[in-house]
Structures are given as C-alpha cells and as structure tokens.
C-alpha cells in the first residue's frame, strides 16, 4: 500500500527501541521506551485547504524529533507509521 500525506503533513516511521542499555543490560519488550526520533518517509505537497502554500523543508530520509503524542498513528502492512503536520516537528537531527 502506498500512502501520500496531503497538505503540510509528513509520514514518519519511529526508530526501534534499544535492546540493551548502555551498560549492557538486556531489556524486555515491556521495559523498552520508544525513542522520540523518527525517519521521514513521505512529505506532502505543502498546499493548505484555503490555497495557501506552505514551504516544506523536510525531505524523505531526514531524521526528526517529534513529540510522542503528536499526530495520528496508523498501521500499514504490519508497520506502525505516524502522520503529523510539519509544524509538529520539534527538530531535525543532523548526523
């Protein structure tokens, strides 16, 4: 299935939680905290309902930080994805 966000929305995939702590302790699935870093999969065209054009500065492959409770979660092909507005992105991670 192919998903294309509309307007100023962005489709994100959350990175997997770490299996071990920095000290080497292996975590069970219930103790893993989901990271707040996401990968941008698809970016909308930037058009709004009233015709206003929004500049989309994100691109597929960008790593971003987003609030845990932002957007809408959707399960697509057994994969959990998140759709948020571009202004819900808090930061771009540069590596």
N, C-alpha and C. Protein backbone atom coordinates (compact mmCIF):
# COMPACT_ATOMS: atom_id res chain seq x y z
N UNK A 1 0.85 -1.17 0.00
CA UNK A 1 0.00 0.00 0.00
C UNK A 1 0.89 1.24 0.00
N UNK A 2 0.51 2.23 -0.77
CA UNK A 2 1.28 3.47 -0.85
C UNK A 2 0.48 4.59 -0.20
N UNK A 3 1.12 5.36 0.66
CA UNK A 3 0.47 6.47 1.36
C UNK A 3 1.14 7.77 0.97
N UNK A 4 0.35 8.77 0.61
CA UNK A 4 0.85 10.11 0.28
C UNK A 4 0.13 11.10 1.18
N UNK A 5 0.84 11.72 2.15
CA UNK A 5 0.20 12.72 3.00
C UNK A 5 -0.23 13.94 2.19
N UNK A 6 -1.28 14.59 2.64
CA UNK A 6 -1.78 15.77 1.94
C UNK A 6 -1.40 17.03 2.73
N UNK A 7 -1.36 18.15 2.00
CA UNK A 7 -1.08 19.43 2.63
C UNK A 7 0.29 19.49 3.27
N UNK A 8 0.33 19.97 4.51
CA UNK A 8 1.60 20.14 5.21
C UNK A 8 1.90 18.96 6.13
N UNK A 9 1.35 17.80 5.81
CA UNK A 9 1.56 16.62 6.65
C UNK A 9 2.76 15.81 6.18
N UNK A 10 3.33 15.04 7.14
CA UNK A 10 4.53 14.25 6.90
C UNK A 10 4.29 12.85 7.45
N UNK A 11 4.70 11.82 6.71
CA UNK A 11 4.59 10.44 7.15
C UNK A 11 5.91 10.03 7.77
N UNK A 12 5.86 9.54 9.02
CA UNK A 12 7.06 9.20 9.78
C UNK A 12 7.07 7.74 10.20
N UNK A 13 8.27 7.21 10.35
CA UNK A 13 8.45 5.86 10.90
C UNK A 13 9.32 6.00 12.13
N UNK A 14 8.86 5.45 13.26
CA UNK A 14 9.61 5.56 14.50
C UNK A 14 10.74 4.55 14.52
N UNK A 15 11.90 4.97 15.04
CA UNK A 15 13.02 4.05 15.19
C UNK A 15 12.69 3.02 16.26
N UNK A 16 13.25 1.84 16.12
CA UNK A 16 13.02 0.77 17.08
C UNK A 16 13.69 1.10 18.41
N UNK A 17 13.10 0.60 19.50
CA UNK A 17 13.67 0.81 20.83
C UNK A 17 14.93 -0.04 20.98
N UNK A 18 15.84 0.43 21.79
CA UNK A 18 17.10 -0.28 22.02
C UNK A 18 16.84 -1.60 22.74
N UNK A 19 17.61 -2.61 22.37
CA UNK A 19 17.51 -3.93 23.02
C UNK A 19 18.30 -3.96 24.33
N UNK A 20 19.37 -3.13 24.40
CA UNK A 20 20.23 -3.11 25.59
C UNK A 20 20.42 -1.67 26.07
N UNK A 21 20.71 -1.55 27.35
CA UNK A 21 21.08 -0.24 27.88
C UNK A 21 22.56 -0.01 27.57
N UNK A 22 23.05 1.20 27.83
CA UNK A 22 24.46 1.49 27.58
C UNK A 22 25.38 0.63 28.43
N UNK A 23 24.89 0.21 29.60
CA UNK A 23 25.70 -0.63 30.48
C UNK A 23 25.61 -2.11 30.13
N UNK A 24 24.80 -2.46 29.10
CA UNK A 24 24.74 -3.85 28.65
C UNK A 24 23.58 -4.66 29.17
N UNK A 25 22.67 -4.06 29.91
CA UNK A 25 21.52 -4.79 30.43
C UNK A 25 20.51 -4.98 29.30
N UNK A 26 20.08 -6.23 29.09
CA UNK A 26 19.11 -6.53 28.04
C UNK A 26 17.71 -6.22 28.57
N UNK A 27 16.95 -5.47 27.77
CA UNK A 27 15.61 -5.04 28.18
C UNK A 27 14.54 -5.97 27.60
N UNK A 28 13.50 -6.21 28.37
CA UNK A 28 12.35 -6.94 27.84
C UNK A 28 11.49 -5.95 27.07
N UNK A 29 10.58 -6.45 26.27
CA UNK A 29 9.77 -5.57 25.42
C UNK A 29 8.93 -4.60 26.24
N UNK A 30 8.51 -4.98 27.43
CA UNK A 30 7.68 -4.08 28.24
C UNK A 30 8.49 -2.95 28.87
N UNK A 31 9.80 -3.12 28.97
CA UNK A 31 10.64 -2.08 29.59
C UNK A 31 11.30 -1.15 28.58
N UNK A 32 11.12 -1.43 27.30
CA UNK A 32 11.73 -0.59 26.28
C UNK A 32 10.94 0.71 26.13
N UNK A 33 11.65 1.82 26.15
CA UNK A 33 11.00 3.10 25.91
C UNK A 33 11.19 3.47 24.46
N UNK A 34 10.10 3.79 23.77
CA UNK A 34 10.21 4.14 22.37
C UNK A 34 10.95 5.47 22.23
N UNK A 35 11.89 5.53 21.31
CA UNK A 35 12.61 6.78 21.10
C UNK A 35 11.70 7.82 20.46
N UNK A 36 12.05 9.07 20.61
CA UNK A 36 11.25 10.14 20.02
C UNK A 36 11.85 10.59 18.69
N UNK A 37 12.75 9.77 18.12
CA UNK A 37 13.36 10.07 16.83
C UNK A 37 12.66 9.26 15.75
N UNK A 38 12.31 9.94 14.67
CA UNK A 38 11.58 9.34 13.56
C UNK A 38 12.34 9.57 12.26
N UNK A 39 12.05 8.73 11.27
CA UNK A 39 12.57 8.93 9.92
C UNK A 39 11.43 9.41 9.04
N UNK A 40 11.68 10.44 8.25
CA UNK A 40 10.67 10.95 7.32
C UNK A 40 10.60 10.01 6.13
N UNK A 41 9.40 9.48 5.85
CA UNK A 41 9.20 8.58 4.72
C UNK A 41 8.67 9.33 3.50
N UNK A 42 7.61 10.12 3.69
CA UNK A 42 6.97 10.85 2.60
C UNK A 42 6.55 12.22 3.12
N UNK A 43 6.64 13.23 2.25
CA UNK A 43 6.27 14.60 2.59
C UNK A 43 5.13 15.04 1.69
N UNK A 44 4.13 15.74 2.27
CA UNK A 44 3.02 16.27 1.49
C UNK A 44 3.47 17.39 0.56
N UNK A 45 2.54 17.90 -0.25
CA UNK A 45 2.88 18.92 -1.24
C UNK A 45 2.92 20.34 -0.68
N UNK A 46 2.44 20.54 0.55
CA UNK A 46 2.51 21.85 1.17
C UNK A 46 1.30 22.73 0.93
N UNK A 47 0.33 22.29 0.15
CA UNK A 47 -0.88 23.08 -0.07
C UNK A 47 -1.83 22.95 1.10
N UNK A 48 -2.47 24.05 1.46
CA UNK A 48 -3.46 24.06 2.53
C UNK A 48 -4.85 24.14 1.92
N UNK A 49 -5.88 23.92 2.72
CA UNK A 49 -7.27 23.97 2.24
C UNK A 49 -7.67 25.32 1.68
N UNK A 50 -7.14 26.39 2.24
CA UNK A 50 -7.51 27.73 1.77
C UNK A 50 -6.65 28.21 0.61
N UNK A 51 -5.78 27.34 0.07
CA UNK A 51 -4.96 27.69 -1.07
C UNK A 51 -3.59 28.25 -0.72
N UNK A 52 -3.32 28.46 0.55
CA UNK A 52 -2.03 28.99 0.97
C UNK A 52 -0.95 27.93 0.78
N UNK A 53 0.19 28.33 0.23
CA UNK A 53 1.31 27.41 0.02
C UNK A 53 2.23 27.43 1.24
N UNK A 54 2.53 26.26 1.79
CA UNK A 54 3.46 26.12 2.92
C UNK A 54 4.77 25.57 2.37
N UNK A 55 5.89 26.17 2.74
CA UNK A 55 7.19 25.66 2.29
C UNK A 55 7.51 24.40 3.08
N UNK A 56 7.70 23.30 2.36
CA UNK A 56 8.05 22.03 3.00
C UNK A 56 9.57 21.91 3.03
N UNK A 57 10.15 22.03 4.23
CA UNK A 57 11.61 21.98 4.36
C UNK A 57 12.12 20.58 4.63
N UNK A 58 11.23 19.64 4.96
CA UNK A 58 11.64 18.27 5.21
C UNK A 58 11.66 17.48 3.91
N UNK A 59 12.48 16.41 3.91
CA UNK A 59 12.54 15.55 2.73
C UNK A 59 12.66 14.10 3.21
N UNK A 60 12.27 13.15 2.39
CA UNK A 60 12.39 11.74 2.77
C UNK A 60 13.82 11.40 3.17
N UNK A 61 13.96 10.64 4.25
CA UNK A 61 15.27 10.26 4.77
C UNK A 61 15.74 11.11 5.92
N UNK A 62 15.14 12.30 6.13
CA UNK A 62 15.51 13.15 7.26
C UNK A 62 15.19 12.44 8.58
N UNK A 63 16.01 12.66 9.59
CA UNK A 63 15.75 12.17 10.94
C UNK A 63 15.24 13.36 11.74
N UNK A 64 14.11 13.18 12.42
CA UNK A 64 13.50 14.29 13.14
C UNK A 64 13.09 13.86 14.54
N UNK A 65 12.91 14.86 15.40
CA UNK A 65 12.40 14.63 16.75
C UNK A 65 10.99 15.21 16.79
N UNK A 66 10.09 14.41 17.33
CA UNK A 66 8.68 14.78 17.37
C UNK A 66 8.14 14.42 18.75
N UNK A 67 7.18 15.19 19.23
CA UNK A 67 6.53 14.89 20.48
C UNK A 67 5.88 13.51 20.39
N UNK A 68 5.98 12.71 21.45
CA UNK A 68 5.41 11.35 21.46
C UNK A 68 3.92 11.33 21.17
N UNK A 69 3.22 12.37 21.54
CA UNK A 69 1.76 12.37 21.45
C UNK A 69 1.24 13.18 20.28
N UNK A 70 2.11 13.55 19.34
CA UNK A 70 1.69 14.31 18.16
C UNK A 70 1.15 13.39 17.08
N UNK A 71 0.28 13.92 16.28
CA UNK A 71 -0.17 13.23 15.09
C UNK A 71 -1.10 12.06 15.32
N UNK A 72 -1.23 11.27 14.25
CA UNK A 72 -2.10 10.11 14.25
C UNK A 72 -1.29 8.88 13.87
N UNK A 73 -1.48 7.79 14.59
CA UNK A 73 -0.78 6.55 14.31
C UNK A 73 -1.66 5.68 13.42
N UNK A 74 -1.03 5.07 12.41
CA UNK A 74 -1.74 4.18 11.50
C UNK A 74 -0.89 2.94 11.28
N UNK A 75 -1.54 1.79 11.24
CA UNK A 75 -0.83 0.54 10.98
C UNK A 75 -1.03 0.20 9.51
N UNK A 76 0.08 0.15 8.76
CA UNK A 76 0.03 -0.12 7.33
C UNK A 76 0.99 -1.28 7.03
N UNK A 77 0.48 -2.34 6.44
CA UNK A 77 1.30 -3.51 6.11
C UNK A 77 2.11 -3.98 7.31
N UNK A 78 1.44 -4.09 8.46
CA UNK A 78 2.06 -4.56 9.71
C UNK A 78 3.15 -3.63 10.24
N UNK A 79 3.18 -2.41 9.76
CA UNK A 79 4.17 -1.42 10.20
C UNK A 79 3.42 -0.23 10.79
N UNK A 80 3.86 0.24 11.96
CA UNK A 80 3.21 1.37 12.60
C UNK A 80 3.85 2.67 12.13
N UNK A 81 3.04 3.54 11.52
CA UNK A 81 3.50 4.81 10.99
C UNK A 81 2.75 5.95 11.66
N UNK A 82 3.34 7.14 11.62
CA UNK A 82 2.74 8.31 12.26
C UNK A 82 2.62 9.42 11.21
N UNK A 83 1.46 10.08 11.19
CA UNK A 83 1.25 11.22 10.30
C UNK A 83 1.11 12.46 11.17
N UNK A 84 1.99 13.46 10.94
CA UNK A 84 1.97 14.70 11.71
C UNK A 84 2.04 15.89 10.75
N UNK A 85 1.66 17.05 11.25
CA UNK A 85 1.86 18.29 10.49
C UNK A 85 3.33 18.67 10.61
N UNK A 86 3.84 19.33 9.59
CA UNK A 86 5.24 19.72 9.60
C UNK A 86 5.56 20.59 10.81
N UNK A 87 4.63 21.45 11.25
CA UNK A 87 4.93 22.32 12.40
C UNK A 87 4.90 21.57 13.73
N UNK A 88 4.54 20.26 13.73
CA UNK A 88 4.63 19.44 14.94
C UNK A 88 6.04 18.84 15.12
N UNK A 89 6.88 18.99 14.10
CA UNK A 89 8.26 18.51 14.19
C UNK A 89 9.05 19.49 15.05
N UNK A 90 9.72 18.98 16.07
CA UNK A 90 10.43 19.84 17.00
C UNK A 90 11.86 20.15 16.54
N UNK A 91 12.52 19.19 15.87
CA UNK A 91 13.91 19.41 15.44
C UNK A 91 14.28 18.41 14.35
N UNK A 92 15.27 18.78 13.55
CA UNK A 92 15.85 17.88 12.57
C UNK A 92 17.20 17.41 13.14
N UNK A 93 17.43 16.10 13.13
CA UNK A 93 18.66 15.55 13.66
C UNK A 93 19.68 15.48 12.54
N UNK A 94 20.84 16.14 12.75
CA UNK A 94 21.91 16.10 11.76
C UNK A 94 23.01 15.20 12.27
N UNK A 95 23.40 14.25 11.44
CA UNK A 95 24.43 13.29 11.87
C UNK A 95 25.69 13.49 11.09
